[in-house]
């Protein structure tokens, strides 16, 4: 089974490759059902121009990974959905 930190890092790599560099994950949570999944919140980090190194983060969705293999689930529309949610952040 994939541990929570490995799942989070895998999700971050997928986001970087498929969505963009301002999105990241946090709060991995194991979901038990017919399939074991890791679910992580996807957050948009916005840098602060007046205070370098600081900024805000906004939750724009979630990403799910197979807990046994680490494979990202529901990739068909995931990038598109996350981008559209991120575009609504003020």
PDB file of N, CA and C in Angstrom:
ATOM      1  N   UNK A   1       0.838  -1.184   0.000  1.00  0.00           N
ATOM      2  CA  UNK A   1       0.000   0.000   0.000  1.00  0.00           C
ATOM      3  C   UNK A   1       0.885   1.251   0.000  1.00  0.00           C
ATOM      4  N   UNK A   2       0.427   2.263  -0.714  1.00  0.00           N
ATOM      5  CA  UNK A   2       1.127   3.541  -0.795  1.00  0.00           C
ATOM      6  C   UNK A   2       0.862   4.326   0.494  1.00  0.00           C
ATOM      7  N   UNK A   3       1.917   4.891   1.082  1.00  0.00           N
ATOM      8  CA  UNK A   3       1.733   5.669   2.311  1.00  0.00           C
ATOM      9  C   UNK A   3       1.206   7.072   1.948  1.00  0.00           C
ATOM     10  N   UNK A   4       0.652   7.800   2.930  1.00  0.00           N
ATOM     11  CA  UNK A   4       0.011   9.082   2.626  1.00  0.00           C
ATOM     12  C   UNK A   4       0.957  10.127   2.024  1.00  0.00           C
ATOM     13  N   UNK A   5       2.184  10.189   2.480  1.00  0.00           N
ATOM     14  CA  UNK A   5       3.110  11.189   1.944  1.00  0.00           C
ATOM     15  C   UNK A   5       3.494  10.872   0.498  1.00  0.00           C
ATOM     16  N   UNK A   6       3.675   9.596   0.190  1.00  0.00           N
ATOM     17  CA  UNK A   6       3.975   9.198  -1.187  1.00  0.00           C
ATOM     18  C   UNK A   6       2.792   9.506  -2.094  1.00  0.00           C
ATOM     19  N   UNK A   7       1.578   9.255  -1.609  1.00  0.00           N
ATOM     20  CA  UNK A   7       0.378   9.577  -2.384  1.00  0.00           C
ATOM     21  C   UNK A   7       0.306  11.076  -2.651  1.00  0.00           C
ATOM     22  N   UNK A   8       0.568  11.871  -1.638  1.00  0.00           N
ATOM     23  CA  UNK A   8       0.524  13.331  -1.788  1.00  0.00           C
ATOM     24  C   UNK A   8       1.570  13.812  -2.792  1.00  0.00           C
ATOM     25  N   UNK A   9       2.775  13.271  -2.699  1.00  0.00           N
ATOM     26  CA  UNK A   9       3.837  13.666  -3.643  1.00  0.00           C
ATOM     27  C   UNK A   9       3.494  13.241  -5.067  1.00  0.00           C
ATOM     28  N   UNK A  10       2.938  12.035  -5.230  1.00  0.00           N
ATOM     29  CA  UNK A  10       2.533  11.571  -6.572  1.00  0.00           C
ATOM     30  C   UNK A  10       1.469  12.477  -7.165  1.00  0.00           C
ATOM     31  N   UNK A  11       0.524  12.884  -6.328  1.00  0.00           N
ATOM     32  CA  UNK A  11      -0.525  13.793  -6.789  1.00  0.00           C
ATOM     33  C   UNK A  11       0.073  15.135  -7.188  1.00  0.00           C
ATOM     34  N   UNK A  12       1.053  15.623  -6.428  1.00  0.00           N
ATOM     35  CA  UNK A  12       1.707  16.893  -6.766  1.00  0.00           C
ATOM     36  C   UNK A  12       2.434  16.819  -8.106  1.00  0.00           C
ATOM     37  N   UNK A  13       3.092  15.696  -8.367  1.00  0.00           N
ATOM     38  CA  UNK A  13       3.787  15.520  -9.647  1.00  0.00           C
ATOM     39  C   UNK A  13       2.772  15.517 -10.791  1.00  0.00           C
ATOM     40  N   UNK A  14       1.654  14.811 -10.602  1.00  0.00           N
ATOM     41  CA  UNK A  14       0.613  14.780 -11.632  1.00  0.00           C
ATOM     42  C   UNK A  14       0.079  16.191 -11.885  1.00  0.00           C
ATOM     43  N   UNK A  15      -0.179  16.929 -10.822  1.00  0.00           N
ATOM     44  CA  UNK A  15      -0.671  18.303 -10.978  1.00  0.00           C
ATOM     45  C   UNK A  15       0.334  19.156 -11.742  1.00  0.00           C
ATOM     46  N   UNK A  16       1.600  19.059 -11.402  1.00  0.00           N
ATOM     47  CA  UNK A  16       2.629  19.840 -12.073  1.00  0.00           C
ATOM     48  C   UNK A  16       2.690  19.496 -13.560  1.00  0.00           C
ATOM     49  N   UNK A  17       2.612  18.219 -13.886  1.00  0.00           N
ATOM     50  CA  UNK A  17       2.688  17.772 -15.280  1.00  0.00           C
ATOM     51  C   UNK A  17       1.428  18.074 -16.083  1.00  0.00           C
ATOM     52  N   UNK A  18       0.270  18.114 -15.421  1.00  0.00           N
ATOM     53  CA  UNK A  18      -0.993  18.190 -16.147  1.00  0.00           C
ATOM     54  C   UNK A  18      -1.805  19.462 -15.941  1.00  0.00           C
ATOM     55  N   UNK A  19      -1.504  20.214 -14.894  1.00  0.00           N
ATOM     56  CA  UNK A  19      -2.345  21.378 -14.589  1.00  0.00           C
ATOM     57  C   UNK A  19      -1.523  22.653 -14.464  1.00  0.00           C
ATOM     58  N   UNK A  20      -0.545  22.689 -13.599  1.00  0.00           N
ATOM     59  CA  UNK A  20       0.252  23.893 -13.433  1.00  0.00           C
ATOM     60  C   UNK A  20       1.022  23.889 -12.137  1.00  0.00           C
ATOM     61  N   UNK A  21       1.906  24.873 -11.997  1.00  0.00           N
ATOM     62  CA  UNK A  21       2.816  24.882 -10.853  1.00  0.00           C
ATOM     63  C   UNK A  21       2.282  25.617  -9.628  1.00  0.00           C
ATOM     64  N   UNK A  22       1.112  26.226  -9.687  1.00  0.00           N
ATOM     65  CA  UNK A  22       0.576  26.905  -8.514  1.00  0.00           C
ATOM     66  C   UNK A  22      -0.378  26.026  -7.706  1.00  0.00           C
ATOM     67  N   UNK A  23      -0.611  24.801  -8.177  1.00  0.00           N
ATOM     68  CA  UNK A  23      -1.488  23.879  -7.456  1.00  0.00           C
ATOM     69  C   UNK A  23      -0.660  22.860  -6.691  1.00  0.00           C
ATOM     70  N   UNK A  24      -1.145  22.496  -5.523  1.00  0.00           N
ATOM     71  CA  UNK A  24      -0.494  21.486  -4.708  1.00  0.00           C
ATOM     72  C   UNK A  24      -1.531  20.750  -3.883  1.00  0.00           C
ATOM     73  N   UNK A  25      -1.103  19.741  -3.150  1.00  0.00           N
ATOM     74  CA  UNK A  25      -2.033  18.946  -2.355  1.00  0.00           C
ATOM     75  C   UNK A  25      -1.688  19.006  -0.883  1.00  0.00           C
ATOM     76  N   UNK A  26      -2.698  18.746  -0.079  1.00  0.00           N
ATOM     77  CA  UNK A  26      -2.516  18.649   1.369  1.00  0.00           C
ATOM     78  C   UNK A  26      -3.611  17.747   1.929  1.00  0.00           C
ATOM     79  N   UNK A  27      -3.480  17.371   3.178  1.00  0.00           N
ATOM     80  CA  UNK A  27      -4.470  16.585   3.924  1.00  0.00           C
ATOM     81  C   UNK A  27      -4.835  15.253   3.281  1.00  0.00           C
ATOM     82  N   UNK A  28      -3.860  14.363   3.009  1.00  0.00           N
ATOM     83  CA  UNK A  28      -4.236  13.050   2.478  1.00  0.00           C
ATOM     84  C   UNK A  28      -5.110  12.292   3.476  1.00  0.00           C
ATOM     85  N   UNK A  29      -6.181  11.716   2.965  1.00  0.00           N
ATOM     86  CA  UNK A  29      -7.144  10.986   3.802  1.00  0.00           C
ATOM     87  C   UNK A  29      -7.453   9.650   3.134  1.00  0.00           C
ATOM     88  N   UNK A  30      -7.353   8.563   3.901  1.00  0.00           N
ATOM     89  CA  UNK A  30      -7.649   7.240   3.373  1.00  0.00           C
ATOM     90  C   UNK A  30      -9.158   7.024   3.359  1.00  0.00           C
ATOM     91  N   UNK A  31      -9.694   6.684   2.198  1.00  0.00           N
ATOM     92  CA  UNK A  31     -11.121   6.453   2.019  1.00  0.00           C
ATOM     93  C   UNK A  31     -11.322   4.948   1.809  1.00  0.00           C
ATOM     94  N   UNK A  32     -12.117   4.345   2.692  1.00  0.00           N
ATOM     95  CA  UNK A  32     -12.379   2.909   2.602  1.00  0.00           C
ATOM     96  C   UNK A  32     -13.749   2.677   1.991  1.00  0.00           C
ATOM     97  N   UNK A  33     -13.769   1.932   0.917  1.00  0.00           N
ATOM     98  CA  UNK A  33     -15.002   1.573   0.230  1.00  0.00           C
ATOM     99  C   UNK A  33     -14.736   0.303  -0.554  1.00  0.00           C
ATOM    100  N   UNK A  34     -15.358   0.177  -1.698  1.00  0.00           N
ATOM    101  CA  UNK A  34     -15.104  -0.999  -2.526  1.00  0.00           C
ATOM    102  C   UNK A  34     -13.657  -1.007  -3.012  1.00  0.00           C
ATOM    103  N   UNK A  35     -13.043   0.163  -3.021  1.00  0.00           N
ATOM    104  CA  UNK A  35     -11.633   0.326  -3.381  1.00  0.00           C
ATOM    105  C   UNK A  35     -11.009   1.282  -2.365  1.00  0.00           C
ATOM    106  N   UNK A  36      -9.810   0.961  -1.893  1.00  0.00           N
ATOM    107  CA  UNK A  36      -9.100   1.870  -0.985  1.00  0.00           C
ATOM    108  C   UNK A  36      -8.503   3.004  -1.803  1.00  0.00           C
ATOM    109  N   UNK A  37      -8.792   4.236  -1.394  1.00  0.00           N
ATOM    110  CA  UNK A  37      -8.311   5.412  -2.111  1.00  0.00           C
ATOM    111  C   UNK A  37      -7.703   6.407  -1.143  1.00  0.00           C
ATOM    112  N   UNK A  38      -6.704   7.132  -1.622  1.00  0.00           N
ATOM    113  CA  UNK A  38      -6.229   8.318  -0.929  1.00  0.00           C
ATOM    114  C   UNK A  38      -6.928   9.503  -1.570  1.00  0.00           C
ATOM    115  N   UNK A  39      -7.438  10.408  -0.754  1.00  0.00           N
ATOM    116  CA  UNK A  39      -8.059  11.632  -1.258  1.00  0.00           C
ATOM    117  C   UNK A  39      -7.293  12.806  -0.656  1.00  0.00           C
ATOM    118  N   UNK A  40      -6.852  13.712  -1.509  1.00  0.00           N
ATOM    119  CA  UNK A  40      -6.104  14.898  -1.068  1.00  0.00           C
ATOM    120  C   UNK A  40      -6.824  16.151  -1.545  1.00  0.00           C
ATOM    121  N   UNK A  41      -6.818  17.167  -0.715  1.00  0.00           N
ATOM    122  CA  UNK A  41      -7.317  18.469  -1.140  1.00  0.00           C
ATOM    123  C   UNK A  41      -6.318  19.077  -2.115  1.00  0.00           C
ATOM    124  N   UNK A  42      -6.845  19.721  -3.153  1.00  0.00           N
ATOM    125  CA  UNK A  42      -6.005  20.455  -4.102  1.00  0.00           C
ATOM    126  C   UNK A  42      -6.169  21.933  -3.789  1.00  0.00           C
ATOM    127  N   UNK A  43      -5.040  22.600  -3.581  1.00  0.00           N
ATOM    128  CA  UNK A  43      -5.077  24.018  -3.237  1.00  0.00           C
ATOM    129  C   UNK A  43      -4.295  24.828  -4.259  1.00  0.00           C
ATOM    130  N   UNK A  44      -4.802  26.021  -4.499  1.00  0.00           N
ATOM    131  CA  UNK A  44      -4.129  26.997  -5.349  1.00  0.00           C
ATOM    132  C   UNK A  44      -3.375  27.943  -4.438  1.00  0.00           C
ATOM    133  N   UNK A  45      -2.089  28.025  -4.625  1.00  0.00           N
ATOM    134  CA  UNK A  45      -1.283  28.947  -3.836  1.00  0.00           C
ATOM    135  C   UNK A  45      -1.044  30.219  -4.628  1.00  0.00           C
ATOM    136  N   UNK A  46      -1.367  31.346  -4.030  1.00  0.00           N
ATOM    137  CA  UNK A  46      -1.144  32.621  -4.704  1.00  0.00           C
ATOM    138  C   UNK A  46      -0.080  33.394  -3.943  1.00  0.00           C
ATOM    139  N   UNK A  47       1.017  33.729  -4.622  1.00  0.00           N
ATOM    140  CA  UNK A  47       2.084  34.457  -3.933  1.00  0.00           C
ATOM    141  C   UNK A  47       1.670  35.885  -3.603  1.00  0.00           C
ATOM    142  N   UNK A  48       2.270  36.411  -2.580  1.00  0.00           N
ATOM    143  CA  UNK A  48       2.038  37.797  -2.195  1.00  0.00           C
ATOM    144  C   UNK A  48       3.153  38.650  -2.778  1.00  0.00           C
ATOM    145  N   UNK A  49       2.788  39.656  -3.574  1.00  0.00           N
ATOM    146  CA  UNK A  49       3.805  40.505  -4.184  1.00  0.00           C
ATOM    147  C   UNK A  49       4.411  41.476  -3.182  1.00  0.00           C
ATOM    148  N   UNK A  50       3.633  41.857  -2.172  1.00  0.00           N
ATOM    149  CA  UNK A  50       4.161  42.807  -1.200  1.00  0.00           C
ATOM    150  C   UNK A  50       4.901  42.141  -0.045  1.00  0.00           C
ATOM    151  N   UNK A  51       4.724  40.822   0.117  1.00  0.00           N
ATOM    152  CA  UNK A  51       5.429  40.082   1.170  1.00  0.00           C
ATOM    153  C   UNK A  51       5.998  38.801   0.573  1.00  0.00           C
ATOM    154  N   UNK A  52       7.178  38.860  -0.055  1.00  0.00           N
ATOM    155  CA  UNK A  52       7.765  37.666  -0.660  1.00  0.00           C
ATOM    156  C   UNK A  52       7.840  36.507   0.339  1.00  0.00           C
ATOM    157  N   UNK A  53       7.556  35.316  -0.151  1.00  0.00           N
ATOM    158  CA  UNK A  53       7.579  34.136   0.702  1.00  0.00           C
ATOM    159  C   UNK A  53       6.272  33.875   1.405  1.00  0.00           C
ATOM    160  N   UNK A  54       5.317  34.785   1.279  1.00  0.00           N
ATOM    161  CA  UNK A  54       4.008  34.618   1.905  1.00  0.00           C
ATOM    162  C   UNK A  54       2.948  34.663   0.818  1.00  0.00           C
ATOM    163  N   UNK A  55       1.778  34.212   1.151  1.00  0.00           N
ATOM    164  CA  UNK A  55       0.680  34.235   0.200  1.00  0.00           C
ATOM    165  C   UNK A  55      -0.535  33.561   0.792  1.00  0.00           C
ATOM    166  N   UNK A  56      -1.484  33.269  -0.050  1.00  0.00           N
ATOM    167  CA  UNK A  56      -2.719  32.619   0.373  1.00  0.00           C
ATOM    168  C   UNK A  56      -2.882  31.310  -0.382  1.00  0.00           C
ATOM    169  N   UNK A  57      -3.688  30.423   0.174  1.00  0.00           N
ATOM    170  CA  UNK A  57      -4.034  29.210  -0.562  1.00  0.00           C
ATOM    171  C   UNK A  57      -5.547  29.022  -0.499  1.00  0.00           C
ATOM    172  N   UNK A  58      -6.081  28.528  -1.592  1.00  0.00           N
ATOM    173  CA  UNK A  58      -7.520  28.331  -1.742  1.00  0.00           C
ATOM    174  C   UNK A  58      -7.776  26.912  -2.221  1.00  0.00           C
ATOM    175  N   UNK A  59      -8.694  26.221  -1.573  1.00  0.00           N
ATOM    176  CA  UNK A  59      -9.059  24.862  -1.982  1.00  0.00           C
ATOM    177  C   UNK A  59      -9.855  24.945  -3.272  1.00  0.00           C
ATOM    178  N   UNK A  60      -9.389  24.227  -4.304  1.00  0.00           N
ATOM    179  CA  UNK A  60     -10.068  24.253  -5.599  1.00  0.00           C
ATOM    180  C   UNK A  60     -10.591  22.882  -6.022  1.00  0.00           C
ATOM    181  N   UNK A  61     -10.398  21.860  -5.196  1.00  0.00           N
ATOM    182  CA  UNK A  61     -10.904  20.538  -5.527  1.00  0.00           C
ATOM    183  C   UNK A  61     -10.192  19.454  -4.741  1.00  0.00           C
ATOM    184  N   UNK A  62     -10.361  18.237  -5.234  1.00  0.00           N
ATOM    185  CA  UNK A  62      -9.726  17.076  -4.616  1.00  0.00           C
ATOM    186  C   UNK A  62      -9.193  16.171  -5.711  1.00  0.00           C
ATOM    187  N   UNK A  63      -8.210  15.376  -5.329  1.00  0.00           N
ATOM    188  CA  UNK A  63      -7.643  14.392  -6.240  1.00  0.00           C
ATOM    189  C   UNK A  63      -7.638  13.060  -5.502  1.00  0.00           C
ATOM    190  N   UNK A  64      -7.973  11.989  -6.220  1.00  0.00           N
ATOM    191  CA  UNK A  64      -8.023  10.662  -5.606  1.00  0.00           C
ATOM    192  C   UNK A  64      -7.009   9.753  -6.283  1.00  0.00           C
ATOM    193  N   UNK A  65      -6.373   8.905  -5.458  1.00  0.00           N
ATOM    194  CA  UNK A  65      -5.383   7.952  -5.935  1.00  0.00           C
ATOM    195  C   UNK A  65      -5.714   6.568  -5.403  1.00  0.00           C
ATOM    196  N   UNK A  66      -5.473   5.549  -6.208  1.00  0.00           N
ATOM    197  CA  UNK A  66      -5.606   4.169  -5.772  1.00  0.00           C
ATOM    198  C   UNK A  66      -4.577   3.935  -4.666  1.00  0.00           C
ATOM    199  N   UNK A  67      -5.006   3.483  -3.504  1.00  0.00           N
ATOM    200  CA  UNK A  67      -4.114   3.317  -2.353  1.00  0.00           C
ATOM    201  C   UNK A  67      -3.131   2.170  -2.547  1.00  0.00           C
ATOM    202  N   UNK A  68      -3.446   1.212  -3.420  1.00  0.00           N
ATOM    203  CA  UNK A  68      -2.547   0.084  -3.652  1.00  0.00           C
ATOM    204  C   UNK A  68      -1.464   0.422  -4.672  1.00  0.00           C
ATOM    205  N   UNK A  69      -1.832   1.168  -5.720  1.00  0.00           N
ATOM    206  CA  UNK A  69      -0.898   1.417  -6.820  1.00  0.00           C
ATOM    207  C   UNK A  69      -0.404   2.860  -6.900  1.00  0.00           C
ATOM    208  N   UNK A  70      -1.131   3.801  -6.308  1.00  0.00           N
ATOM    209  CA  UNK A  70      -0.788   5.214  -6.415  1.00  0.00           C
ATOM    210  C   UNK A  70      -1.288   5.860  -7.692  1.00  0.00           C
ATOM    211  N   UNK A  71      -2.052   5.114  -8.489  1.00  0.00           N
ATOM    212  CA  UNK A  71      -2.567   5.644  -9.758  1.00  0.00           C
ATOM    213  C   UNK A  71      -3.642   6.697  -9.515  1.00  0.00           C
ATOM    214  N   UNK A  72      -3.518   7.830 -10.216  1.00  0.00           N
ATOM    215  CA  UNK A  72      -4.504   8.899 -10.125  1.00  0.00           C
ATOM    216  C   UNK A  72      -5.809   8.424 -10.751  1.00  0.00           C
ATOM    217  N   UNK A  73      -6.914   8.713 -10.092  1.00  0.00           N
ATOM    218  CA  UNK A  73      -8.235   8.289 -10.555  1.00  0.00           C
ATOM    219  C   UNK A  73      -8.942   9.436 -11.285  1.00  0.00           C
ATOM    220  N   UNK A  74      -9.852   9.081 -12.186  1.00  0.00           N
ATOM    221  CA  UNK A  74     -10.728  10.054 -12.856  1.00  0.00           C
ATOM    222  C   UNK A  74      -9.955  11.157 -13.559  1.00  0.00           C
ATOM    223  N   UNK A  75      -8.946  10.798 -14.329  1.00  0.00           N
ATOM    224  CA  UNK A  75      -8.101  11.806 -14.970  1.00  0.00           C
ATOM    225  C   UNK A  75      -8.732  12.426 -16.216  1.00  0.00           C
ATOM    226  N   UNK A  76      -9.812  11.862 -16.728  1.00  0.00           N
ATOM    227  CA  UNK A  76     -10.401  12.361 -17.981  1.00  0.00           C
ATOM    228  C   UNK A  76     -10.719  13.845 -17.929  1.00  0.00           C
ATOM    229  N   UNK A  77     -11.342  14.304 -16.866  1.00  0.00           N
ATOM    230  CA  UNK A  77     -11.735  15.712 -16.774  1.00  0.00           C
ATOM    231  C   UNK A  77     -11.120  16.423 -15.564  1.00  0.00           C
ATOM    232  N   UNK A  78     -10.263  15.730 -14.825  1.00  0.00           N
ATOM    233  CA  UNK A  78      -9.741  16.284 -13.576  1.00  0.00           C
ATOM    234  C   UNK A  78      -8.970  17.588 -13.797  1.00  0.00           C
ATOM    235  N   UNK A  79      -8.038  17.613 -14.732  1.00  0.00           N
ATOM    236  CA  UNK A  79      -7.243  18.823 -14.970  1.00  0.00           C
ATOM    237  C   UNK A  79      -8.146  19.984 -15.371  1.00  0.00           C
ATOM    238  N   UNK A  80      -9.063  19.718 -16.260  1.00  0.00           N
ATOM    239  CA  UNK A  80     -10.004  20.742 -16.723  1.00  0.00           C
ATOM    240  C   UNK A  80     -10.842  21.289 -15.565  1.00  0.00           C
ATOM    241  N   UNK A  81     -11.357  20.394 -14.730  1.00  0.00           N
ATOM    242  CA  UNK A  81     -12.175  20.801 -13.590  1.00  0.00           C
ATOM    243  C   UNK A  81     -11.386  21.660 -12.601  1.00  0.00           C
ATOM    244  N   UNK A  82     -10.168  21.225 -12.290  1.00  0.00           N
ATOM    245  CA  UNK A  82      -9.338  21.979 -11.347  1.00  0.00           C
ATOM    246  C   UNK A  82      -8.991  23.365 -11.893  1.00  0.00           C
ATOM    247  N   UNK A  83      -8.668  23.432 -13.178  1.00  0.00           N
ATOM    248  CA  UNK A  83      -8.370  24.734 -13.790  1.00  0.00           C
ATOM    249  C   UNK A  83      -9.569  25.659 -13.767  1.00  0.00           C
ATOM    250  N   UNK A  84     -10.757  25.125 -14.043  1.00  0.00           N
ATOM    251  CA  UNK A  84     -11.944  25.989 -14.041  1.00  0.00           C
ATOM    252  C   UNK A  84     -12.259  26.479 -12.634  1.00  0.00           C
ATOM    253  N   UNK A  85     -12.070  25.634 -11.619  1.00  0.00           N
ATOM    254  CA  UNK A  85     -12.279  26.069 -10.238  1.00  0.00           C
ATOM    255  C   UNK A  85     -11.229  27.083  -9.812  1.00  0.00           C
ATOM    256  N   UNK A  86      -9.990  26.870 -10.228  1.00  0.00           N
ATOM    257  CA  UNK A  86      -8.915  27.806  -9.880  1.00  0.00           C
ATOM    258  C   UNK A  86      -9.157  29.177 -10.514  1.00  0.00           C
ATOM    259  N   UNK A  87      -9.773  29.189 -11.682  1.00  0.00           N
ATOM    260  CA  UNK A  87     -10.033  30.454 -12.373  1.00  0.00           C
ATOM    261  C   UNK A  87     -11.061  31.320 -11.643  1.00  0.00           C
ATOM    262  N   UNK A  88     -11.830  30.724 -10.739  1.00  0.00           N
ATOM    263  CA  UNK A  88     -12.843  31.493 -10.014  1.00  0.00           C
ATOM    264  C   UNK A  88     -12.314  32.115  -8.729  1.00  0.00           C
ATOM    265  N   UNK A  89     -11.057  31.797  -8.364  1.00  0.00           N
ATOM    266  CA  UNK A  89     -10.468  32.346  -7.144  1.00  0.00           C
ATOM    267  C   UNK A  89     -10.181  33.826  -7.368  1.00  0.00           C
ATOM    268  N   UNK A  90     -10.567  34.671  -6.433  1.00  0.00           N
ATOM    269  CA  UNK A  90     -10.372  36.119  -6.616  1.00  0.00           C
ATOM    270  C   UNK A  90      -8.916  36.521  -6.689  1.00  0.00           C
TER     271      UNK A  90
END
